[in-house]
Amino acid sequence: MPAHIVVLSGAGISAESGLSTFRDNGGLWEQHSVYDVATPEAFERNPELVLRFYNERRRQLQEARPNPAHRLLAELENRYRVTVVTQNVDNLHERGGSSSVLHLHGELTKARSSRYPELVYDIGYRDIRLGDCCEQGAQLRPHIVWFGEEVPMLARAAELVRSADHLLIVGTSLQVYPAAGLVHEVGCEVPVTVVDPGEPASVSRAQVIRKPASEGLAEWIRSLP
């Protein structure tokens, strides 16, 4: 059986496709405070603003394209078993060719019921508007894990990290919890590689490649057996 590479990816990999992240902009995401667009309280206070914000992000995503980093990860599947655990809410990993992707923080191209979270709908790049309801009559909301909400896929992600033969961390500074805690689930003997141009939080015994995602990934892949 081929070795299992588990990839933890973050906003840095999507940035090369032109998608921004609030942590690069002083707590603003596309000039909005995250507390105005990314909390349950924000949705209760001004649902129209929140829906409009994510409708705009969805349209932006439709125009974005996977970059070489996404495609390099997909090509790894020719030689290894690869699972991507991503903090990103875009679908660029899938569009880049990766076949096994777990989204920790939800997906832009899905909507869910604001009252019945198990009711989730694929909406593609369509808008969600006030008055769009689930089959039980509750308003639809973005299928996004907002600040202050539980991360339902965290336990599954931890299982995947524990099964890794190699842990690759790319495009994330490991500062967003609880996702950042996943690095502590990896086995003591498992090699860990971090690809990020910044100063990622300390990961003991990690090989660190301080380069942007595409450049750093290409370098790392060349070193693989």
Protein backbone atom coordinates (compact mmCIF):
# COMPACT_ATOMS: atom_id res chain seq x y z
CA MET A 1 0.00 0.00 0.00
CA PRO A 2 1.41 3.46 -0.89
CA ALA A 3 2.43 5.81 1.89
CA HIS A 4 -0.32 8.06 3.24
CA ILE A 5 0.45 11.78 2.99
CA VAL A 6 -1.93 13.97 5.00
CA VAL A 7 -1.91 17.62 3.97
CA LEU A 8 -3.06 20.40 6.29
CA SER A 9 -3.70 23.41 4.06
CA GLY A 10 -4.60 27.00 4.82
CA ALA A 11 -5.23 30.36 3.21
CA GLY A 12 -1.69 30.68 1.86
CA ILE A 13 -2.37 28.11 -0.82
CA SER A 14 -5.51 29.93 -2.00
CA ALA A 15 -3.81 33.33 -1.88
CA GLU A 16 -1.84 32.39 -5.00
CA SER A 17 -5.20 32.12 -6.79
CA GLY A 18 -6.17 35.62 -5.67
CA LEU A 19 -8.39 34.70 -2.70
CA SER A 20 -7.65 36.79 0.38
CA THR A 21 -7.83 35.96 4.05
CA PHE A 22 -8.68 38.22 6.97
CA ARG A 23 -5.47 37.36 8.83
CA ASP A 24 -3.44 39.08 6.13
CA ASN A 25 -5.43 42.30 6.44
CA GLY A 26 -5.35 43.35 10.07
CA GLY A 27 -8.46 41.43 11.08
CA LEU A 28 -10.42 42.46 7.98
CA TRP A 29 -11.70 40.13 5.28
CA GLU A 30 -12.36 42.04 2.05
CA GLN A 31 -12.60 45.21 4.22
CA HIS A 32 -15.14 43.68 6.61
CA SER A 33 -14.52 42.89 10.26
CA VAL A 34 -14.91 39.17 10.85
CA TYR A 35 -17.25 40.06 13.71
CA ASP A 36 -19.62 41.61 11.18
CA VAL A 37 -19.66 38.71 8.72
CA ALA A 38 -18.34 35.54 10.35
CA THR A 39 -20.19 34.96 13.62
CA PRO A 40 -23.66 33.62 14.45
CA GLU A 41 -24.39 36.93 16.19
CA ALA A 42 -23.59 38.83 12.99
CA PHE A 43 -26.09 36.70 11.08
CA GLU A 44 -28.77 37.35 13.69
CA ARG A 45 -28.02 41.08 13.70
CA ASN A 46 -27.76 41.68 9.96
CA PRO A 47 -28.45 38.57 7.86
CA GLU A 48 -28.68 40.57 4.65
CA LEU A 49 -25.11 41.87 5.04
CA VAL A 50 -23.77 38.40 5.85
CA LEU A 51 -25.54 36.78 2.91
CA ARG A 52 -24.33 39.51 0.56
CA PHE A 53 -20.76 39.08 1.79
CA TYR A 54 -20.72 35.35 1.08
CA ASN A 55 -22.55 35.79 -2.23
CA GLU A 56 -19.67 38.05 -3.27
CA ARG A 57 -17.10 35.50 -2.08
CA ARG A 58 -18.88 32.82 -4.11
CA ARG A 59 -18.77 34.95 -7.25
CA GLN A 60 -15.09 35.65 -6.61
CA LEU A 61 -14.45 31.93 -6.23
CA GLN A 62 -16.17 31.19 -9.53
CA GLU A 63 -13.63 33.44 -11.26
CA ALA A 64 -10.61 32.03 -9.38
CA ARG A 65 -8.55 29.17 -10.78
CA PRO A 66 -6.50 26.46 -9.08
CA ASN A 67 -2.81 27.33 -8.99
CA PRO A 68 0.28 25.12 -9.36
CA ALA A 69 0.22 24.22 -5.64
CA HIS A 70 -3.24 22.71 -5.96
CA ARG A 71 -2.20 20.77 -9.05
CA LEU A 72 1.03 19.54 -7.45
CA LEU A 73 -0.93 18.06 -4.54
CA ALA A 74 -3.30 16.37 -6.96
CA GLU A 75 -0.39 14.90 -8.94
CA LEU A 76 0.98 13.34 -5.74
CA GLU A 77 -1.95 10.91 -5.95
CA ASN A 78 -0.14 9.18 -8.82
CA ARG A 79 2.45 7.92 -6.33
CA TYR A 80 0.92 8.14 -2.85
CA ARG A 81 -2.34 8.02 -0.97
CA VAL A 82 -3.11 11.69 -0.31
CA THR A 83 -5.72 13.23 1.97
CA VAL A 84 -6.15 17.00 2.15
CA VAL A 85 -7.52 18.49 5.36
CA THR A 86 -8.11 22.14 4.61
CA GLN A 87 -9.11 25.20 6.60
CA ASN A 88 -10.17 26.82 3.32
CA VAL A 89 -13.82 27.14 2.32
CA ASP A 90 -13.11 27.32 -1.42
CA ASN A 91 -13.22 24.33 -3.79
CA LEU A 92 -9.84 24.89 -5.45
CA HIS A 93 -8.35 21.63 -4.14
CA GLU A 94 -11.15 19.68 -5.79
CA ARG A 95 -10.96 21.71 -8.99
CA GLY A 96 -7.19 21.21 -9.00
CA GLY A 97 -7.70 17.46 -9.07
CA SER A 98 -7.48 16.28 -5.45
CA SER A 99 -9.88 13.40 -4.86
CA SER A 100 -9.95 13.27 -1.04
CA VAL A 101 -10.59 16.64 0.64
CA LEU A 102 -12.01 17.31 4.10
CA HIS A 103 -13.15 20.89 4.78
CA LEU A 104 -12.77 21.82 8.44
CA HIS A 105 -14.48 25.20 8.18
CA GLY A 106 -17.24 24.43 5.69
CA GLU A 107 -17.72 25.08 1.98
CA LEU A 108 -18.70 28.22 0.09
CA THR A 109 -20.57 26.25 -2.57
CA LYS A 110 -23.00 24.80 -0.03
CA ALA A 111 -25.84 26.24 2.05
CA ARG A 112 -27.45 24.84 5.15
CA SER A 113 -30.52 25.40 7.23
CA SER A 114 -30.11 27.99 9.98
CA ARG A 115 -32.26 25.83 12.27
CA TYR A 116 -31.56 22.25 11.14
CA PRO A 117 -27.78 21.99 10.56
CA GLU A 118 -28.05 18.50 9.11
CA LEU A 119 -29.90 19.93 6.09
CA VAL A 120 -27.08 20.89 3.70
CA TYR A 121 -27.51 21.76 0.02
CA ASP A 122 -25.12 22.06 -2.90
CA ILE A 123 -25.77 25.47 -4.44
CA GLY A 124 -22.72 25.89 -6.65
CA TYR A 125 -22.08 29.58 -7.20
CA ARG A 126 -25.67 30.74 -6.76
CA ASP A 127 -26.62 33.47 -4.29
CA ILE A 128 -28.42 32.83 -1.01
CA ARG A 129 -31.11 35.46 -0.42
CA LEU A 130 -33.36 36.38 2.47
CA GLY A 131 -36.44 34.19 2.10
CA ASP A 132 -34.53 31.21 0.67
CA CYS A 133 -35.54 28.42 3.04
CA CYS A 134 -34.81 24.77 3.71
CA GLU A 135 -37.51 22.13 3.32
CA GLN A 136 -38.54 22.76 6.95
CA GLY A 137 -39.10 26.46 6.31
CA ALA A 138 -35.99 27.87 8.01
CA GLN A 139 -33.77 30.51 6.38
CA LEU A 140 -30.72 29.16 4.56
CA ARG A 141 -27.27 30.35 5.63
CA PRO A 142 -23.75 29.76 4.31
CA HIS A 143 -22.36 26.31 5.12
CA ILE A 144 -19.45 27.92 6.96
CA VAL A 145 -18.11 27.29 10.46
CA TRP A 146 -18.21 30.75 11.98
CA PHE A 147 -16.22 32.00 14.97
CA GLY A 148 -17.78 30.67 18.15
CA GLU A 149 -19.20 27.56 16.46
CA GLU A 150 -18.03 23.98 16.90
CA VAL A 151 -15.93 22.38 14.15
CA PRO A 152 -17.91 19.22 13.38
CA MET A 153 -15.23 17.61 11.19
CA LEU A 154 -12.44 18.04 13.74
CA ALA A 155 -12.61 14.49 15.14
CA ARG A 156 -12.47 12.99 11.64
CA ALA A 157 -9.53 15.24 10.78
CA ALA A 158 -7.68 14.07 13.90
CA GLU A 159 -8.21 10.44 12.84
CA LEU A 160 -6.73 11.19 9.44
CA VAL A 161 -3.68 12.92 10.91
CA ARG A 162 -3.09 9.94 13.20
CA SER A 163 -3.07 7.68 10.13
CA ALA A 164 -0.42 9.73 8.29
CA ASP A 165 2.94 8.38 7.17
CA HIS A 166 3.97 11.97 6.42
CA LEU A 167 2.30 15.21 7.53
CA LEU A 168 2.59 18.14 5.14
CA ILE A 169 1.50 21.59 6.36
CA VAL A 170 1.17 24.16 3.60
CA GLY A 171 -0.06 27.75 3.52
CA THR A 172 -0.97 28.05 7.18
CA SER A 173 0.77 29.71 10.11
CA LEU A 174 -0.83 27.25 12.56
CA GLN A 175 -2.43 30.05 14.56
CA VAL A 176 -6.12 29.21 14.07
CA TYR A 177 -7.46 26.89 16.76
CA PRO A 178 -8.75 24.27 17.08
CA ALA A 179 -7.39 23.37 13.62
CA ALA A 180 -3.81 24.16 14.64
CA GLY A 181 -4.03 21.53 17.37
CA LEU A 182 -4.18 18.80 14.73
CA VAL A 183 -0.38 18.82 14.45
CA HIS A 184 -0.23 17.26 17.92
CA GLU A 185 -2.14 14.22 16.69
CA VAL A 186 0.65 13.00 14.42
CA GLY A 187 2.73 10.02 15.49
CA CYS A 188 6.12 10.68 17.09
CA GLU A 189 7.97 8.86 14.31
CA VAL A 190 6.10 10.52 11.45
CA PRO A 191 8.02 13.17 9.48
CA VAL A 192 6.46 16.64 9.36
CA THR A 193 7.09 19.26 6.69
CA VAL A 194 5.92 22.88 6.82
CA VAL A 195 5.76 24.96 3.62
CA ASP A 196 5.07 28.61 4.46
CA PRO A 197 6.96 31.84 3.75
CA GLY A 198 6.22 33.29 7.18
CA GLU A 199 7.10 32.17 10.67
CA PRO A 200 4.81 29.25 11.44
CA ALA A 201 4.11 28.38 15.05
CA SER A 202 6.66 25.99 16.46
CA VAL A 203 6.34 22.42 15.26
CA SER A 204 8.98 20.24 16.83
CA ARG A 205 11.12 18.17 14.45
CA ALA A 206 9.48 19.72 11.39
CA GLN A 207 11.35 20.41 8.19
CA VAL A 208 10.45 24.02 7.33
CA ILE A 209 10.53 25.34 3.77
CA ARG A 210 10.05 29.12 4.00
CA LYS A 211 8.69 29.67 0.52
CA PRO A 212 5.28 30.32 -1.03
CA ALA A 213 3.10 27.27 -1.52
CA SER A 214 3.78 26.50 -5.19
CA GLU A 215 7.53 27.07 -5.01
CA GLY A 216 7.95 25.28 -1.69
CA LEU A 217 5.82 22.31 -2.70
CA ALA A 218 7.78 21.83 -5.90
CA GLU A 219 11.01 21.80 -3.88
CA TRP A 220 9.62 19.32 -1.36
CA ILE A 221 8.23 16.96 -4.00
CA ARG A 222 11.61 16.83 -5.75
CA SER A 223 13.08 15.47 -2.50
CA LEU A 224 10.59 12.61 -2.18
CA PRO A 225 11.69 9.04 -2.83
